[in-house]
Amino acid sequence: MNEEIKLIWQKFFNWVSGNGPRPENEVIPPEPPPDLPFTQKPKDKYTRFHEATLKERYNQWLEIHGLHIFSLIYSGLSVLTCIVIVCLLLATVAELPPFGDEKNPANNEVIRRYVEHGGHETGAQNIVAGLILDYRAFDTFGESAVLFTAAVSVLMILGVSRRNNIEESSPDLNESGQNFLERAPPVNFHEIRQDDSILRAVASLSIPAILLMGCVVVINGHLTPGGGFSGGAILSTALILCANAFGFERVHKFFNERTFIISSSTALMIYALSKGYSFFTGANHFHSIIPKGTIGNILSGGLILPLNICVGLIVAGTLYGFYALFSRGDI
């Protein structure tokens, strides 16, 4: 029985695959002969010369006009792409609702809650500061963490690259077993330039005023326009001006890589713990021990003032760190 089943299955398989028995009257066409190289008719001398001449002329034309034509096509496609994008943007802008219309989707109950109850709920006179450091404080924490992570990543990459360059440029060690280039301080190109007495005099007068202005903007962020981001940018300007006028070594005495990492890490930790406590008590309807103070006073806004200081430290250190890293190679 098993042999019969196998035979039937084999016949069915051969029939499906086309290998079954052929009828007696079927005519099988002969297979075409293989296309061998020696069976092809050789080209005459005139045809070979003509093809070589055409190929040479094409290569010459391509060398002379090809780059110019490619540039024209590339420029034309670029202009066409820009025109299409601009038209799409203009069409999108034309469909936007009119600015200031009370029926706009942006004018909803969320905006009204921020404007009407923001001062009472956050204790901040500046509604923007109450929004980004109270209602949406975790967004601001993420932005600060991104800045800190970017600075540390660049610091690590440039540090590894600098060590590799030192090892490749001088693999020999001195008598003490230490590469002499590793002990040498990095080159400060700002100090190589001729002493600029005018720059130093202006910097001596400007740096204290810039630092004072940056501190005022950070501390009064919950009362007036400003805060940690703008105040930190002003503070970093003072550090950059000091580095340009007096050299990086002067700034390095009080603000270096270790200082940046410690201050930024501490600021991020304080920010996370503070807002974690604030959101935990608010979500569970617990009483918070942090008073909001009187609106308009310097000690008001609850946690907004210390959070502005944390953000200002992170922004100032990150901006100066980027400038020092790409100018000098280390902070």
C-alpha atoms as a PDB file:
ATOM      1  CA  MET A   1       0.000   0.000   0.000  1.00  0.00           C
ATOM      2  CA  ASN A   2       2.813   2.387   0.863  1.00  0.00           C
ATOM      3  CA  GLU A   3       4.578   1.636  -2.408  1.00  0.00           C
ATOM      4  CA  GLU A   4       1.455   2.465  -4.408  1.00  0.00           C
ATOM      5  CA  ILE A   5       0.998   5.748  -2.569  1.00  0.00           C
ATOM      6  CA  LYS A   6       4.619   6.683  -3.218  1.00  0.00           C
ATOM      7  CA  LEU A   7       4.244   5.822  -6.923  1.00  0.00           C
ATOM      8  CA  ILE A   8       1.079   7.930  -7.260  1.00  0.00           C
ATOM      9  CA  TRP A   9       2.749  10.877  -5.481  1.00  0.00           C
ATOM     10  CA  GLN A  10       5.826  10.584  -7.708  1.00  0.00           C
ATOM     11  CA  LYS A  11       3.682  10.670 -10.868  1.00  0.00           C
ATOM     12  CA  PHE A  12       1.765  13.712  -9.571  1.00  0.00           C
ATOM     13  CA  PHE A  13       5.023  15.497  -8.696  1.00  0.00           C
ATOM     14  CA  ASN A  14       6.484  14.789 -12.143  1.00  0.00           C
ATOM     15  CA  TRP A  15       3.299  16.036 -13.795  1.00  0.00           C
ATOM     16  CA  VAL A  16       3.367  19.303 -11.811  1.00  0.00           C
ATOM     17  CA  SER A  17       7.050  19.895 -12.485  1.00  0.00           C
ATOM     18  CA  GLY A  18       6.662  19.129 -16.179  1.00  0.00           C
ATOM     19  CA  ASN A  19       8.754  15.952 -16.182  1.00  0.00           C
ATOM     20  CA  GLY A  20       5.900  13.564 -16.947  1.00  0.00           C
ATOM     21  CA  PRO A  21       5.765  11.237 -19.970  1.00  0.00           C
ATOM     22  CA  ARG A  22       5.515  13.109 -23.271  1.00  0.00           C
ATOM     23  CA  PRO A  23       3.061  12.128 -25.999  1.00  0.00           C
ATOM     24  CA  GLU A  24       4.438  10.212 -28.979  1.00  0.00           C
ATOM     25  CA  ASN A  25       3.412  12.851 -31.580  1.00  0.00           C
ATOM     26  CA  GLU A  26       4.936  15.814 -29.651  1.00  0.00           C
ATOM     27  CA  VAL A  27       7.646  17.640 -31.559  1.00  0.00           C
ATOM     28  CA  ILE A  28      10.529  18.730 -29.360  1.00  0.00           C
ATOM     29  CA  PRO A  29      12.240  21.845 -30.767  1.00  0.00           C
ATOM     30  CA  PRO A  30      15.984  21.572 -31.037  1.00  0.00           C
ATOM     31  CA  GLU A  31      18.058  23.531 -28.548  1.00  0.00           C
ATOM     32  CA  PRO A  32      19.721  26.643 -30.004  1.00  0.00           C
ATOM     33  CA  PRO A  33      23.441  26.332 -30.473  1.00  0.00           C
ATOM     34  CA  PRO A  34      25.580  28.115 -27.894  1.00  0.00           C
ATOM     35  CA  ASP A  35      26.720  31.636 -28.739  1.00  0.00           C
ATOM     36  CA  LEU A  36      30.431  31.005 -28.876  1.00  0.00           C
ATOM     37  CA  PRO A  37      32.935  33.843 -29.371  1.00  0.00           C
ATOM     38  CA  PHE A  38      34.467  32.255 -32.495  1.00  0.00           C
ATOM     39  CA  THR A  39      31.038  32.035 -34.164  1.00  0.00           C
ATOM     40  CA  GLN A  40      30.526  35.824 -34.058  1.00  0.00           C
ATOM     41  CA  LYS A  41      31.361  37.788 -37.149  1.00  0.00           C
ATOM     42  CA  PRO A  42      34.416  39.956 -36.472  1.00  0.00           C
ATOM     43  CA  LYS A  43      34.081  43.669 -37.001  1.00  0.00           C
ATOM     44  CA  ASP A  44      36.000  45.225 -39.801  1.00  0.00           C
ATOM     45  CA  LYS A  45      38.768  47.762 -39.304  1.00  0.00           C
ATOM     46  CA  TYR A  46      36.631  50.754 -40.327  1.00  0.00           C
ATOM     47  CA  THR A  47      33.876  49.905 -37.772  1.00  0.00           C
ATOM     48  CA  ARG A  48      36.378  49.524 -34.922  1.00  0.00           C
ATOM     49  CA  PHE A  49      38.048  52.843 -35.823  1.00  0.00           C
ATOM     50  CA  HIS A  50      34.663  54.602 -36.005  1.00  0.00           C
ATOM     51  CA  GLU A  51      33.567  53.278 -32.590  1.00  0.00           C
ATOM     52  CA  ALA A  52      36.893  54.289 -30.986  1.00  0.00           C
ATOM     53  CA  THR A  53      36.599  57.779 -32.505  1.00  0.00           C
ATOM     54  CA  LEU A  54      33.055  58.239 -31.200  1.00  0.00           C
ATOM     55  CA  LYS A  55      34.071  57.063 -27.719  1.00  0.00           C
ATOM     56  CA  GLU A  56      37.041  59.421 -27.663  1.00  0.00           C
ATOM     57  CA  ARG A  57      34.928  62.374 -28.799  1.00  0.00           C
ATOM     58  CA  TYR A  58      32.310  61.556 -26.155  1.00  0.00           C
ATOM     59  CA  ASN A  59      34.938  61.486 -23.397  1.00  0.00           C
ATOM     60  CA  GLN A  60      36.371  64.804 -24.562  1.00  0.00           C
ATOM     61  CA  TRP A  61      32.928  66.407 -24.670  1.00  0.00           C
ATOM     62  CA  LEU A  62      32.159  65.031 -21.206  1.00  0.00           C
ATOM     63  CA  GLU A  63      35.381  66.481 -19.759  1.00  0.00           C
ATOM     64  CA  ILE A  64      34.722  69.911 -21.259  1.00  0.00           C
ATOM     65  CA  HIS A  65      30.961  70.318 -20.855  1.00  0.00           C
ATOM     66  CA  GLY A  66      29.967  67.589 -18.400  1.00  0.00           C
ATOM     67  CA  LEU A  67      30.785  69.448 -15.191  1.00  0.00           C
ATOM     68  CA  HIS A  68      29.116  72.636 -16.421  1.00  0.00           C
ATOM     69  CA  ILE A  69      25.947  70.772 -17.420  1.00  0.00           C
ATOM     70  CA  PHE A  70      25.898  68.904 -14.097  1.00  0.00           C
ATOM     71  CA  SER A  71      26.250  72.219 -12.236  1.00  0.00           C
ATOM     72  CA  LEU A  72      23.368  73.705 -14.209  1.00  0.00           C
ATOM     73  CA  ILE A  73      21.153  70.687 -13.543  1.00  0.00           C
ATOM     74  CA  TYR A  74      22.088  70.646  -9.861  1.00  0.00           C
ATOM     75  CA  SER A  75      21.440  74.387  -9.488  1.00  0.00           C
ATOM     76  CA  GLY A  76      18.156  74.136 -11.339  1.00  0.00           C
ATOM     77  CA  LEU A  77      16.921  71.247  -9.200  1.00  0.00           C
ATOM     78  CA  SER A  78      18.003  73.086  -6.036  1.00  0.00           C
ATOM     79  CA  VAL A  79      16.131  76.243  -7.035  1.00  0.00           C
ATOM     80  CA  LEU A  80      13.080  74.199  -8.014  1.00  0.00           C
ATOM     81  CA  THR A  81      13.125  72.348  -4.683  1.00  0.00           C
ATOM     82  CA  CYS A  82      13.383  75.626  -2.757  1.00  0.00           C
ATOM     83  CA  ILE A  83      10.511  77.126  -4.753  1.00  0.00           C
ATOM     84  CA  VAL A  84       8.322  74.096  -4.035  1.00  0.00           C
ATOM     85  CA  ILE A  85       9.143  74.216  -0.301  1.00  0.00           C
ATOM     86  CA  VAL A  86       8.486  77.973  -0.141  1.00  0.00           C
ATOM     87  CA  CYS A  87       5.155  77.539  -1.927  1.00  0.00           C
ATOM     88  CA  LEU A  88       4.131  74.794   0.472  1.00  0.00           C
ATOM     89  CA  LEU A  89       5.086  76.935   3.470  1.00  0.00           C
ATOM     90  CA  LEU A  90       3.227  79.947   2.094  1.00  0.00           C
ATOM     91  CA  ALA A  91       0.156  77.805   1.456  1.00  0.00           C
ATOM     92  CA  THR A  92       0.373  76.510   5.025  1.00  0.00           C
ATOM     93  CA  VAL A  93       0.723  80.024   6.430  1.00  0.00           C
ATOM     94  CA  ALA A  94      -2.267  81.187   4.363  1.00  0.00           C
ATOM     95  CA  GLU A  95      -4.413  78.521   6.033  1.00  0.00           C
ATOM     96  CA  LEU A  96      -3.408  79.535   9.570  1.00  0.00           C
ATOM     97  CA  PRO A  97      -6.063  81.280  11.676  1.00  0.00           C
ATOM     98  CA  PRO A  98      -5.670  85.049  12.110  1.00  0.00           C
ATOM     99  CA  PHE A  99      -3.385  86.144  14.925  1.00  0.00           C
ATOM    100  CA  GLY A 100      -5.152  87.186  18.084  1.00  0.00           C
ATOM    101  CA  ASP A 101      -8.509  85.692  17.176  1.00  0.00           C
ATOM    102  CA  GLU A 102     -10.283  84.430  20.271  1.00  0.00           C
ATOM    103  CA  LYS A 103     -11.524  81.412  18.312  1.00  0.00           C
ATOM    104  CA  ASN A 104      -8.018  80.156  17.574  1.00  0.00           C
ATOM    105  CA  PRO A 105      -7.237  76.615  18.778  1.00  0.00           C
ATOM    106  CA  ALA A 106      -4.421  78.002  20.933  1.00  0.00           C
ATOM    107  CA  ASN A 107      -6.854  80.103  22.936  1.00  0.00           C
ATOM    108  CA  ASN A 108      -8.284  77.278  24.995  1.00  0.00           C
ATOM    109  CA  GLU A 109      -8.887  76.530  28.656  1.00  0.00           C
ATOM    110  CA  VAL A 110      -5.206  75.710  29.214  1.00  0.00           C
ATOM    111  CA  ILE A 111      -4.047  79.185  28.202  1.00  0.00           C
ATOM    112  CA  ARG A 112      -6.811  80.805  30.244  1.00  0.00           C
ATOM    113  CA  ARG A 113      -5.766  78.740  33.265  1.00  0.00           C
ATOM    114  CA  TYR A 114      -2.144  79.893  32.917  1.00  0.00           C
ATOM    115  CA  VAL A 115      -3.099  83.552  32.557  1.00  0.00           C
ATOM    116  CA  GLU A 116      -5.865  83.726  35.162  1.00  0.00           C
ATOM    117  CA  HIS A 117      -4.481  81.440  37.880  1.00  0.00           C
ATOM    118  CA  GLY A 118      -0.755  81.263  37.074  1.00  0.00           C
ATOM    119  CA  GLY A 119       0.305  83.924  39.541  1.00  0.00           C
ATOM    120  CA  HIS A 120      -1.696  82.469  42.415  1.00  0.00           C
ATOM    121  CA  GLU A 121      -0.672  78.850  41.772  1.00  0.00           C
ATOM    122  CA  THR A 122       3.030  79.448  41.092  1.00  0.00           C
ATOM    123  CA  GLY A 123       3.709  82.611  43.098  1.00  0.00           C
ATOM    124  CA  ALA A 124       5.647  84.103  40.145  1.00  0.00           C
ATOM    125  CA  GLN A 125       4.927  87.520  38.726  1.00  0.00           C
ATOM    126  CA  ASN A 126       6.421  86.493  35.379  1.00  0.00           C
ATOM    127  CA  ILE A 127       3.885  84.121  33.817  1.00  0.00           C
ATOM    128  CA  VAL A 128       6.481  82.673  31.414  1.00  0.00           C
ATOM    129  CA  ALA A 129       8.774  81.739  34.300  1.00  0.00           C
ATOM    130  CA  GLY A 130       5.868  80.124  36.125  1.00  0.00           C
ATOM    131  CA  LEU A 131       5.005  78.180  32.986  1.00  0.00           C
ATOM    132  CA  ILE A 132       8.455  76.766  32.154  1.00  0.00           C
ATOM    133  CA  LEU A 133       9.650  76.243  35.740  1.00  0.00           C
ATOM    134  CA  ASP A 134       6.449  75.114  37.421  1.00  0.00           C
ATOM    135  CA  TYR A 135       3.769  73.796  35.082  1.00  0.00           C
ATOM    136  CA  ARG A 136       6.250  72.386  32.565  1.00  0.00           C
ATOM    137  CA  ALA A 137       9.347  72.147  34.729  1.00  0.00           C
ATOM    138  CA  PHE A 138      10.225  68.652  33.559  1.00  0.00           C
ATOM    139  CA  ASP A 139      10.531  69.958  29.969  1.00  0.00           C
ATOM    140  CA  THR A 140      13.050  72.521  31.153  1.00  0.00           C
ATOM    141  CA  PHE A 141      14.872  69.806  33.081  1.00  0.00           C
ATOM    142  CA  GLY A 142      15.151  67.778  29.885  1.00  0.00           C
ATOM    143  CA  GLU A 143      16.573  70.775  28.007  1.00  0.00           C
ATOM    144  CA  SER A 144      19.161  71.375  30.727  1.00  0.00           C
ATOM    145  CA  ALA A 145      20.093  67.683  30.739  1.00  0.00           C
ATOM    146  CA  VAL A 146      20.561  67.775  26.968  1.00  0.00           C
ATOM    147  CA  LEU A 147      22.936  70.748  27.264  1.00  0.00           C
ATOM    148  CA  PHE A 148      24.962  69.039  29.975  1.00  0.00           C
ATOM    149  CA  THR A 149      25.096  65.743  28.059  1.00  0.00           C
ATOM    150  CA  ALA A 150      26.208  67.489  24.861  1.00  0.00           C
ATOM    151  CA  ALA A 151      29.029  69.307  26.660  1.00  0.00           C
ATOM    152  CA  VAL A 152      30.253  66.164  28.419  1.00  0.00           C
ATOM    153  CA  SER A 153      30.111  64.176  25.156  1.00  0.00           C
ATOM    154  CA  VAL A 154      32.165  66.766  23.287  1.00  0.00           C
ATOM    155  CA  LEU A 155      34.604  66.906  26.203  1.00  0.00           C
ATOM    156  CA  MET A 156      35.066  63.126  26.120  1.00  0.00           C
ATOM    157  CA  ILE A 157      35.458  62.965  22.325  1.00  0.00           C
ATOM    158  CA  LEU A 158      37.996  65.797  22.157  1.00  0.00           C
ATOM    159  CA  GLY A 159      39.843  64.395  25.164  1.00  0.00           C
ATOM    160  CA  VAL A 160      40.239  60.964  23.556  1.00  0.00           C
ATOM    161  CA  SER A 161      41.219  62.531  20.222  1.00  0.00           C
ATOM    162  CA  ARG A 162      43.818  64.726  21.915  1.00  0.00           C
ATOM    163  CA  ARG A 163      45.377  61.779  23.762  1.00  0.00           C
ATOM    164  CA  ASN A 164      45.503  59.758  20.541  1.00  0.00           C
ATOM    165  CA  ASN A 165      47.224  62.604  18.715  1.00  0.00           C
ATOM    166  CA  ILE A 166      49.786  62.888  21.507  1.00  0.00           C
ATOM    167  CA  GLU A 167      50.533  59.167  21.401  1.00  0.00           C
ATOM    168  CA  GLU A 168      50.858  59.143  17.611  1.00  0.00           C
ATOM    169  CA  SER A 169      53.052  62.252  17.464  1.00  0.00           C
ATOM    170  CA  SER A 170      55.478  61.137  20.203  1.00  0.00           C
ATOM    171  CA  PRO A 171      55.332  57.454  21.168  1.00  0.00           C
ATOM    172  CA  ASP A 172      58.770  57.581  22.831  1.00  0.00           C
ATOM    173  CA  LEU A 173      58.830  58.105  26.586  1.00  0.00           C
ATOM    174  CA  ASN A 174      61.310  60.162  28.517  1.00  0.00           C
ATOM    175  CA  GLU A 175      63.482  58.915  31.347  1.00  0.00           C
ATOM    176  CA  SER A 176      60.682  59.150  33.927  1.00  0.00           C
ATOM    177  CA  GLY A 177      58.451  56.898  31.772  1.00  0.00           C
ATOM    178  CA  GLN A 178      56.020  59.719  30.958  1.00  0.00           C
ATOM    179  CA  ASN A 179      55.416  61.266  27.585  1.00  0.00           C
ATOM    180  CA  PHE A 180      56.834  64.786  27.664  1.00  0.00           C
ATOM    181  CA  LEU A 181      53.940  66.124  25.588  1.00  0.00           C
ATOM    182  CA  GLU A 182      51.449  64.943  28.205  1.00  0.00           C
ATOM    183  CA  ARG A 183      53.190  67.057  30.828  1.00  0.00           C
ATOM    184  CA  ALA A 184      53.306  70.125  28.597  1.00  0.00           C
ATOM    185  CA  PRO A 185      50.377  72.525  28.940  1.00  0.00           C
ATOM    186  CA  PRO A 186      48.128  72.907  25.890  1.00  0.00           C
ATOM    187  CA  VAL A 187      48.911  75.691  23.520  1.00  0.00           C
ATOM    188  CA  ASN A 188      46.895  78.824  24.180  1.00  0.00           C
ATOM    189  CA  PHE A 189      46.618  80.659  20.883  1.00  0.00           C
ATOM    190  CA  HIS A 190      45.070  83.681  22.594  1.00  0.00           C
ATOM    191  CA  GLU A 191      48.235  84.201  24.620  1.00  0.00           C
ATOM    192  CA  ILE A 192      50.470  83.893  21.552  1.00  0.00           C
ATOM    193  CA  ARG A 193      48.938  87.024  20.088  1.00  0.00           C
ATOM    194  CA  GLN A 194      50.382  90.377  20.950  1.00  0.00           C
ATOM    195  CA  ASP A 195      49.225  91.850  24.251  1.00  0.00           C
ATOM    196  CA  ASP A 196      46.160  94.003  23.562  1.00  0.00           C
ATOM    197  CA  SER A 197      46.077  96.593  26.306  1.00  0.00           C
ATOM    198  CA  ILE A 198      42.854  98.169  25.009  1.00  0.00           C
ATOM    199  CA  LEU A 199      41.023  94.836  25.110  1.00  0.00           C
ATOM    200  CA  ARG A 200      42.249  94.127  28.630  1.00  0.00           C
ATOM    201  CA  ALA A 201      41.276  97.590  29.873  1.00  0.00           C
ATOM    202  CA  VAL A 202      37.787  97.329  28.399  1.00  0.00           C
ATOM    203  CA  ALA A 203      37.427  93.779  29.726  1.00  0.00           C
ATOM    204  CA  SER A 204      38.459  94.859  33.231  1.00  0.00           C
ATOM    205  CA  LEU A 205      35.636  97.377  33.247  1.00  0.00           C
ATOM    206  CA  SER A 206      33.054  95.253  31.429  1.00  0.00           C
ATOM    207  CA  ILE A 207      33.409  91.842  33.072  1.00  0.00           C
ATOM    208  CA  PRO A 208      32.151  92.905  36.548  1.00  0.00           C
ATOM    209  CA  ALA A 209      29.186  94.697  34.979  1.00  0.00           C
ATOM    210  CA  ILE A 210      28.367  91.690  32.762  1.00  0.00           C
ATOM    211  CA  LEU A 211      28.572  89.290  35.715  1.00  0.00           C
ATOM    212  CA  LEU A 212      26.353  91.560  37.802  1.00  0.00           C
ATOM    213  CA  MET A 213      23.823  91.864  34.976  1.00  0.00           C
ATOM    214  CA  GLY A 214      23.776  88.080  34.489  1.00  0.00           C
ATOM    215  CA  CYS A 215      23.144  87.503  38.195  1.00  0.00           C
ATOM    216  CA  VAL A 216      20.340  90.077  38.195  1.00  0.00           C
ATOM    217  CA  VAL A 217      18.671  88.446  35.181  1.00  0.00           C
ATOM    218  CA  VAL A 218      18.886  84.991  36.791  1.00  0.00           C
ATOM    219  CA  ILE A 219      17.699  86.055  40.242  1.00  0.00           C
ATOM    220  CA  ASN A 220      14.834  88.222  38.957  1.00  0.00           C
ATOM    221  CA  GLY A 221      13.640  85.685  36.417  1.00  0.00           C
ATOM    222  CA  HIS A 222      10.384  85.073  38.292  1.00  0.00           C
ATOM    223  CA  LEU A 223       9.659  88.826  38.495  1.00  0.00           C
ATOM    224  CA  THR A 224      10.791  90.260  35.161  1.00  0.00           C
ATOM    225  CA  PRO A 225      11.614  88.859  31.707  1.00  0.00           C
ATOM    226  CA  GLY A 226      14.735  86.731  31.926  1.00  0.00           C
ATOM    227  CA  GLY A 227      15.647  83.674  33.913  1.00  0.00           C
ATOM    228  CA  GLY A 228      18.217  80.926  33.888  1.00  0.00           C
ATOM    229  CA  PHE A 229      18.679  80.573  30.128  1.00  0.00           C
ATOM    230  CA  SER A 230      19.192  84.231  29.282  1.00  0.00           C
ATOM    231  CA  GLY A 231      21.100  84.966  32.496  1.00  0.00           C
ATOM    232  CA  GLY A 232      23.369  81.959  31.954  1.00  0.00           C
ATOM    233  CA  ALA A 233      24.147  83.167  28.432  1.00  0.00           C
ATOM    234  CA  ILE A 234      25.172  86.557  29.847  1.00  0.00           C
ATOM    235  CA  LEU A 235      27.403  84.913  32.469  1.00  0.00           C
ATOM    236  CA  SER A 236      29.104  82.798  29.813  1.00  0.00           C
ATOM    237  CA  THR A 237      29.776  85.990  27.829  1.00  0.00           C
ATOM    238  CA  ALA A 238      31.783  87.331  30.771  1.00  0.00           C
ATOM    239  CA  LEU A 239      33.836  84.117  30.934  1.00  0.00           C
ATOM    240  CA  ILE A 240      34.511  84.169  27.192  1.00  0.00           C
ATOM    241  CA  LEU A 241      35.552  87.829  27.316  1.00  0.00           C
ATOM    242  CA  CYS A 242      37.893  87.071  30.214  1.00  0.00           C
ATOM    243  CA  ALA A 243      39.462  84.197  28.267  1.00  0.00           C
ATOM    244  CA  ASN A 244      40.012  86.393  25.199  1.00  0.00           C
ATOM    245  CA  ALA A 245      41.469  89.281  27.160  1.00  0.00           C
ATOM    246  CA  PHE A 246      43.558  87.513  29.829  1.00  0.00           C
ATOM    247  CA  GLY A 247      43.943  83.971  28.470  1.00  0.00           C
ATOM    248  CA  PHE A 248      42.327  80.679  29.301  1.00  0.00           C
ATOM    249  CA  GLU A 249      44.742  80.065  32.165  1.00  0.00           C
ATOM    250  CA  ARG A 250      43.186  82.957  34.102  1.00  0.00           C
ATOM    251  CA  VAL A 251      39.719  81.444  33.762  1.00  0.00           C
ATOM    252  CA  HIS A 252      41.126  77.972  34.415  1.00  0.00           C
ATOM    253  CA  LYS A 253      42.106  79.005  37.942  1.00  0.00           C
ATOM    254  CA  PHE A 254      38.472  79.249  39.066  1.00  0.00           C
ATOM    255  CA  PHE A 255      36.519  77.438  36.340  1.00  0.00           C
ATOM    256  CA  ASN A 256      37.899  74.253  34.799  1.00  0.00           C
ATOM    257  CA  GLU A 257      36.624  70.872  33.677  1.00  0.00           C
ATOM    258  CA  ARG A 258      36.216  69.588  37.223  1.00  0.00           C
ATOM    259  CA  THR A 259      34.351  72.709  38.310  1.00  0.00           C
ATOM    260  CA  PHE A 260      32.012  72.472  35.319  1.00  0.00           C
ATOM    261  CA  ILE A 261      31.132  68.815  35.909  1.00  0.00           C
ATOM    262  CA  ILE A 262      30.598  69.268  39.657  1.00  0.00           C
ATOM    263  CA  SER A 263      28.510  72.446  39.353  1.00  0.00           C
ATOM    264  CA  SER A 264      26.370  71.157  36.466  1.00  0.00           C
ATOM    265  CA  SER A 265      25.807  67.747  38.049  1.00  0.00           C
ATOM    266  CA  THR A 266      24.864  69.316  41.371  1.00  0.00           C
ATOM    267  CA  ALA A 267      22.504  71.770  39.681  1.00  0.00           C
ATOM    268  CA  LEU A 268      20.787  68.986  37.728  1.00  0.00           C
ATOM    269  CA  MET A 269      20.453  66.865  40.875  1.00  0.00           C
ATOM    270  CA  ILE A 270      18.950  69.735  42.870  1.00  0.00           C
ATOM    271  CA  TYR A 271      16.573  70.495  39.993  1.00  0.00           C
ATOM    272  CA  ALA A 272      15.403  66.869  39.710  1.00  0.00           C
ATOM    273  CA  LEU A 273      14.915  66.391  43.463  1.00  0.00           C
ATOM    274  CA  SER A 274      13.132  69.723  43.901  1.00  0.00           C
ATOM    275  CA  LYS A 275      10.622  69.244  41.105  1.00  0.00           C
ATOM    276  CA  GLY A 276      10.211  65.575  41.966  1.00  0.00           C
ATOM    277  CA  TYR A 277       9.083  66.594  45.438  1.00  0.00           C
ATOM    278  CA  SER A 278       6.874  69.357  44.032  1.00  0.00           C
ATOM    279  CA  PHE A 279       5.102  67.097  41.546  1.00  0.00           C
ATOM    280  CA  PHE A 280       4.726  64.284  44.065  1.00  0.00           C
ATOM    281  CA  THR A 281       3.020  66.511  46.606  1.00  0.00           C
ATOM    282  CA  GLY A 282       0.876  68.214  43.973  1.00  0.00           C
ATOM    283  CA  ALA A 283      -0.270  64.987  42.292  1.00  0.00           C
ATOM    284  CA  ASN A 284      -1.217  63.410  45.628  1.00  0.00           C
ATOM    285  CA  HIS A 285      -2.778  66.614  47.046  1.00  0.00           C
ATOM    286  CA  PHE A 286      -0.260  66.774  49.886  1.00  0.00           C
ATOM    287  CA  HIS A 287       0.685  70.006  51.609  1.00  0.00           C
ATOM    288  CA  SER A 288       4.020  71.366  50.385  1.00  0.00           C
ATOM    289  CA  ILE A 289       6.404  72.823  52.960  1.00  0.00           C
ATOM    290  CA  ILE A 290       7.834  75.232  50.366  1.00  0.00           C
ATOM    291  CA  PRO A 291       6.024  78.596  50.604  1.00  0.00           C
ATOM    292  CA  LYS A 292       5.186  80.542  47.447  1.00  0.00           C
ATOM    293  CA  GLY A 293       5.711  83.914  49.137  1.00  0.00           C
ATOM    294  CA  THR A 294       4.182  87.212  48.183  1.00  0.00           C
ATOM    295  CA  ILE A 295       3.912  87.919  44.466  1.00  0.00           C
ATOM    296  CA  GLY A 296       6.364  90.675  43.540  1.00  0.00           C
ATOM    297  CA  ASN A 297       8.929  89.999  46.292  1.00  0.00           C
ATOM    298  CA  ILE A 298      12.356  88.629  45.504  1.00  0.00           C
ATOM    299  CA  LEU A 299      11.753  85.608  47.757  1.00  0.00           C
ATOM    300  CA  SER A 300       8.618  84.410  46.011  1.00  0.00           C
ATOM    301  CA  GLY A 301       7.649  81.878  43.406  1.00  0.00           C
ATOM    302  CA  GLY A 302       8.389  78.832  45.532  1.00  0.00           C
ATOM    303  CA  LEU A 303      11.086  76.755  43.797  1.00  0.00           C
ATOM    304  CA  ILE A 304      11.336  78.975  40.714  1.00  0.00           C
ATOM    305  CA  LEU A 305      14.198  81.090  42.102  1.00  0.00           C
ATOM    306  CA  PRO A 306      16.527  78.151  42.970  1.00  0.00           C
ATOM    307  CA  LEU A 307      15.597  76.417  39.730  1.00  0.00           C
ATOM    308  CA  ASN A 308      16.537  79.528  37.761  1.00  0.00           C
ATOM    309  CA  ILE A 309      19.915  79.537  39.515  1.00  0.00           C
ATOM    310  CA  CYS A 310      20.443  75.859  38.615  1.00  0.00           C
ATOM    311  CA  VAL A 311      19.568  76.451  34.978  1.00  0.00           C
ATOM    312  CA  GLY A 312      21.803  79.529  34.854  1.00  0.00           C
ATOM    313  CA  LEU A 313      24.809  77.541  36.128  1.00  0.00           C
ATOM    314  CA  ILE A 314      24.236  74.797  33.573  1.00  0.00           C
ATOM    315  CA  VAL A 315      23.797  77.181  30.638  1.00  0.00           C
ATOM    316  CA  ALA A 316      26.782  79.353  31.582  1.00  0.00           C
ATOM    317  CA  GLY A 317      29.087  76.384  32.009  1.00  0.00           C
ATOM    318  CA  THR A 318      27.923  74.687  28.815  1.00  0.00           C
ATOM    319  CA  LEU A 319      28.283  77.725  26.563  1.00  0.00           C
ATOM    320  CA  TYR A 320      31.722  78.600  27.899  1.00  0.00           C
ATOM    321  CA  GLY A 321      32.693  74.925  27.776  1.00  0.00           C
ATOM    322  CA  PHE A 322      31.839  74.675  24.080  1.00  0.00           C
ATOM    323  CA  TYR A 323      33.836  77.818  23.328  1.00  0.00           C
ATOM    324  CA  ALA A 324      36.861  76.611  25.306  1.00  0.00           C
ATOM    325  CA  LEU A 325      36.726  73.097  23.864  1.00  0.00           C
ATOM    326  CA  PHE A 326      36.661  74.199  20.244  1.00  0.00           C
ATOM    327  CA  SER A 327      39.161  77.031  20.774  1.00  0.00           C
ATOM    328  CA  ARG A 328      41.707  75.378  23.028  1.00  0.00           C
ATOM    329  CA  GLY A 329      40.970  71.678  23.189  1.00  0.00           C
ATOM    330  CA  ASP A 330      39.997  71.480  26.864  1.00  0.00           C
ATOM    331  CA  ILE A 331      38.201  73.562  29.481  1.00  0.00           C
END
